[in-house]
Amino acid sequence: MSIRHGLLALLERGQMYGYQLRAAFEESTGSTWPLNIGQVYTTLSRLERDGLVRPLPESEAGQRPYEITDAGRADLALWFATPISRNDRPRDELAIKLALALTTPGVDVRSVVQAQRSATMRALQELTRLKYGSNRPEDLPWRLVLDSMVFQAEAEVRWLDHCETSLVRHQPGAPGPPSPRPGDSAAADAARWADEEARR
């Protein structure tokens, strides 16, 4: 997971100091990947060194906020535009990336989803080609590893499809569940909603 880009995305929303950044990061990602404050300040120091953020004067309470620089915005834009590699992904950086993209001003979330889907489909095609490139018994361990990678890629494509559908449904003005009718049971409401969803 790129803590560096996570903090840049949060600073794109506005100036924040370390504890605010940690809280905002955990809120944006549902506390799935908690940060310790040391990671936050170490990363801020590196971002400052690289010219991607700048410190501001301390508040009366002794807190030093940071703001993103133009170079930081360019680096963040490049991160959002570049598909995540499937190699060595210890945390689900893609899920974090989409969660942050939804709340970062100026990010076209659909473009992020579509770019990732295209990259994942290319990876899936290459994995499938490798899988069927050899059918010798001694290749079974390698093919099982490839199967795992294929299943992960297929699941990612399905999840990205789900994300795009969710984006459409949750746009302002998108239709929501039908209003309950007097005298209807909850089960009947649920069945009617599921039936209408299936017809869309």
Protein backbone atom coordinates (compact mmCIF):
# COMPACT_ATOMS: atom_id res chain seq x y z
CA MET A 1 0.00 0.00 0.00
CA SER A 2 1.32 3.45 -0.88
CA ILE A 3 1.00 5.43 2.34
CA ARG A 4 2.78 8.21 0.47
CA HIS A 5 0.00 8.55 -2.08
CA GLY A 6 -2.70 8.00 0.51
CA LEU A 7 -1.46 11.04 2.44
CA LEU A 8 -1.17 13.10 -0.74
CA ALA A 9 -4.76 12.22 -1.63
CA LEU A 10 -5.92 13.31 1.82
CA LEU A 11 -3.97 16.58 1.61
CA GLU A 12 -5.64 17.30 -1.72
CA ARG A 13 -8.80 17.79 0.34
CA GLY A 14 -7.12 20.50 2.41
CA GLN A 15 -4.43 21.22 4.99
CA MET A 16 -4.05 18.63 7.77
CA TYR A 17 -1.62 17.73 10.51
CA GLY A 18 -0.42 14.23 11.34
CA TYR A 19 -3.18 13.01 13.64
CA GLN A 20 -5.84 14.39 11.30
CA LEU A 21 -4.22 12.53 8.40
CA ARG A 22 -4.17 9.26 10.34
CA ALA A 23 -7.83 9.64 11.34
CA ALA A 24 -8.89 10.62 7.81
CA PHE A 25 -6.99 7.69 6.29
CA GLU A 26 -8.63 5.19 8.62
CA GLU A 27 -12.04 6.74 8.05
CA SER A 28 -11.59 6.61 4.26
CA THR A 29 -10.59 2.95 4.32
CA GLY A 30 -12.95 1.73 7.04
CA SER A 31 -10.01 1.22 9.45
CA THR A 32 -9.08 -1.88 7.45
CA TRP A 33 -5.41 -0.85 7.33
CA PRO A 34 -4.66 1.22 10.45
CA LEU A 35 -1.62 3.49 10.42
CA ASN A 36 0.53 4.31 13.39
CA ILE A 37 1.40 7.95 13.84
CA GLY A 38 5.10 7.23 13.34
CA GLN A 39 4.39 6.02 9.79
CA VAL A 40 2.46 9.21 9.10
CA TYR A 41 5.20 11.59 10.27
CA THR A 42 8.00 9.57 8.65
CA THR A 43 6.10 9.66 5.35
CA LEU A 44 5.40 13.41 5.71
CA SER A 45 9.13 14.03 6.22
CA ARG A 46 9.93 12.15 3.03
CA LEU A 47 7.20 13.94 1.11
CA GLU A 48 8.56 17.27 2.32
CA ARG A 49 12.09 16.24 1.35
CA ASP A 50 10.84 15.36 -2.14
CA GLY A 51 8.99 18.67 -2.51
CA LEU A 52 5.54 17.05 -2.63
CA VAL A 53 4.19 18.69 0.54
CA ARG A 54 5.14 21.78 2.53
CA PRO A 55 4.79 22.40 6.27
CA LEU A 56 2.81 25.41 7.45
CA PRO A 57 3.26 27.47 10.63
CA GLU A 58 2.36 25.69 13.84
CA SER A 59 -1.03 26.33 15.41
CA GLU A 60 -1.37 27.74 18.91
CA ALA A 61 -1.78 24.15 20.11
CA GLY A 62 1.63 23.28 18.61
CA GLN A 63 0.25 21.27 15.68
CA ARG A 64 1.98 21.71 12.33
CA PRO A 65 -0.32 21.27 9.34
CA TYR A 66 0.90 20.32 5.88
CA GLU A 67 -0.37 21.16 2.43
CA ILE A 68 0.20 19.49 -0.93
CA THR A 69 2.38 21.25 -3.51
CA ASP A 70 1.91 21.41 -7.28
CA ALA A 71 4.55 18.69 -7.61
CA GLY A 72 2.60 16.61 -5.12
CA ARG A 73 -0.59 17.06 -7.15
CA ALA A 74 1.23 15.93 -10.29
CA ASP A 75 2.59 12.87 -8.48
CA LEU A 76 -0.86 12.06 -7.10
CA ALA A 77 -2.49 12.46 -10.52
CA LEU A 78 0.08 10.07 -12.00
CA TRP A 79 -0.65 7.53 -9.25
CA PHE A 80 -4.40 7.69 -9.89
CA ALA A 81 -3.82 7.37 -13.65
CA THR A 82 -1.43 4.39 -13.39
CA PRO A 83 -2.93 0.91 -12.85
CA ILE A 84 -1.70 -0.95 -9.76
CA SER A 85 0.69 -3.80 -10.52
CA ARG A 86 -0.52 -7.22 -9.47
CA ASN A 87 3.02 -8.03 -8.36
CA ASP A 88 3.65 -8.02 -4.61
CA ARG A 89 0.45 -6.43 -3.34
CA PRO A 90 0.53 -7.13 0.43
CA ARG A 91 -2.45 -4.84 1.06
CA ASP A 92 -5.28 -4.21 -1.32
CA GLU A 93 -3.98 -0.96 -2.72
CA LEU A 94 -6.67 -0.94 -5.39
CA ALA A 95 -9.49 -0.93 -2.82
CA ILE A 96 -7.77 1.91 -0.93
CA LYS A 97 -7.15 3.78 -4.18
CA LEU A 98 -10.83 3.66 -5.15
CA ALA A 99 -11.96 4.60 -1.63
CA LEU A 100 -9.69 7.67 -1.76
CA ALA A 101 -10.59 8.48 -5.36
CA LEU A 102 -14.25 8.78 -4.32
CA THR A 103 -13.41 11.51 -1.84
CA THR A 104 -10.53 13.30 -3.59
CA PRO A 105 -11.54 16.44 -5.52
CA GLY A 106 -11.08 16.34 -9.27
CA VAL A 107 -10.59 12.56 -9.63
CA ASP A 108 -12.64 10.81 -12.33
CA VAL A 109 -13.39 7.59 -10.44
CA ARG A 110 -14.86 5.89 -13.52
CA SER A 111 -11.61 6.47 -15.41
CA VAL A 112 -9.66 4.96 -12.52
CA VAL A 113 -11.95 1.89 -12.57
CA GLN A 114 -11.78 1.53 -16.37
CA ALA A 115 -7.98 1.87 -16.49
CA GLN A 116 -7.62 -0.80 -13.82
CA ARG A 117 -10.08 -3.12 -15.57
CA SER A 118 -8.14 -2.83 -18.84
CA ALA A 119 -4.85 -3.58 -17.09
CA THR A 120 -6.34 -6.54 -15.20
CA MET A 121 -7.88 -7.97 -18.38
CA ARG A 122 -4.49 -7.80 -20.11
CA ALA A 123 -2.90 -9.60 -17.15
CA LEU A 124 -5.67 -12.20 -17.20
CA GLN A 125 -5.14 -12.90 -20.90
CA GLU A 126 -1.40 -13.33 -20.37
CA LEU A 127 -1.93 -15.65 -17.39
CA THR A 128 -4.39 -17.75 -19.39
CA ARG A 129 -1.91 -17.97 -22.27
CA LEU A 130 0.80 -19.17 -19.88
CA LYS A 131 -1.56 -21.65 -18.24
CA TYR A 132 -2.37 -23.41 -21.51
CA GLY A 133 1.19 -23.19 -22.80
CA SER A 134 2.13 -26.48 -21.18
CA ASN A 135 0.15 -29.51 -20.06
CA ARG A 136 2.92 -31.80 -18.79
CA PRO A 137 2.27 -33.54 -15.45
CA GLU A 138 5.43 -32.01 -13.96
CA ASP A 139 4.03 -28.55 -14.67
CA LEU A 140 1.05 -29.05 -12.33
CA PRO A 141 2.50 -27.02 -9.41
CA TRP A 142 3.16 -24.06 -11.71
CA ARG A 143 -0.28 -24.37 -13.29
CA LEU A 144 -1.91 -24.34 -9.85
CA VAL A 145 -0.06 -21.13 -9.05
CA LEU A 146 -1.26 -19.69 -12.36
CA ASP A 147 -4.80 -20.84 -11.54
CA SER A 148 -4.64 -18.89 -8.30
CA MET A 149 -3.51 -15.78 -10.14
CA VAL A 150 -6.20 -16.27 -12.81
CA PHE A 151 -8.93 -16.59 -10.16
CA GLN A 152 -7.69 -13.46 -8.40
CA ALA A 153 -7.70 -11.51 -11.66
CA GLU A 154 -11.19 -12.78 -12.55
CA ALA A 155 -12.44 -11.79 -9.10
CA GLU A 156 -10.90 -8.35 -9.48
CA VAL A 157 -12.64 -7.82 -12.83
CA ARG A 158 -15.98 -8.84 -11.27
CA TRP A 159 -15.37 -6.49 -8.34
CA LEU A 160 -14.50 -3.61 -10.68
CA ASP A 161 -17.74 -4.28 -12.59
CA HIS A 162 -19.57 -4.14 -9.26
CA CYS A 163 -17.81 -0.85 -8.38
CA GLU A 164 -18.88 0.71 -11.66
CA THR A 165 -22.47 -0.44 -11.17
CA SER A 166 -22.44 0.98 -7.64
CA LEU A 167 -21.14 4.32 -8.93
CA VAL A 168 -24.04 4.52 -11.38
CA ARG A 169 -26.61 3.60 -8.73
CA HIS A 170 -25.28 6.07 -6.17
CA GLN A 171 -25.08 9.10 -8.42
CA PRO A 172 -27.37 11.97 -7.39
CA GLY A 173 -30.79 11.28 -8.84
CA ALA A 174 -30.16 7.56 -9.27
CA PRO A 175 -33.23 5.45 -8.46
CA GLY A 176 -33.25 3.95 -4.97
CA PRO A 177 -35.31 1.19 -3.38
CA PRO A 178 -39.08 1.58 -3.81
CA SER A 179 -40.94 3.22 -0.94
CA PRO A 180 -42.79 0.80 1.35
CA ARG A 181 -46.51 0.52 0.77
CA PRO A 182 -48.98 0.55 3.67
CA GLY A 183 -49.77 -2.94 4.84
CA ASP A 184 -46.84 -4.57 2.99
CA SER A 185 -44.55 -6.88 4.93
CA ALA A 186 -40.79 -6.37 4.96
CA ALA A 187 -40.37 -9.65 3.11
CA ALA A 188 -42.71 -8.53 0.35
CA ASP A 189 -40.85 -5.24 0.03
CA ALA A 190 -37.52 -7.06 -0.24
CA ALA A 191 -38.86 -9.48 -2.84
CA ARG A 192 -40.30 -6.65 -4.94
CA TRP A 193 -37.00 -4.71 -4.76
CA ALA A 194 -34.97 -7.79 -5.77
CA ASP A 195 -37.33 -8.42 -8.68
CA GLU A 196 -37.01 -4.82 -9.92
CA GLU A 197 -33.23 -4.98 -9.60
CA ALA A 198 -33.13 -8.19 -11.64
CA ARG A 199 -35.10 -6.53 -14.46
CA ARG A 200 -32.71 -3.55 -14.75
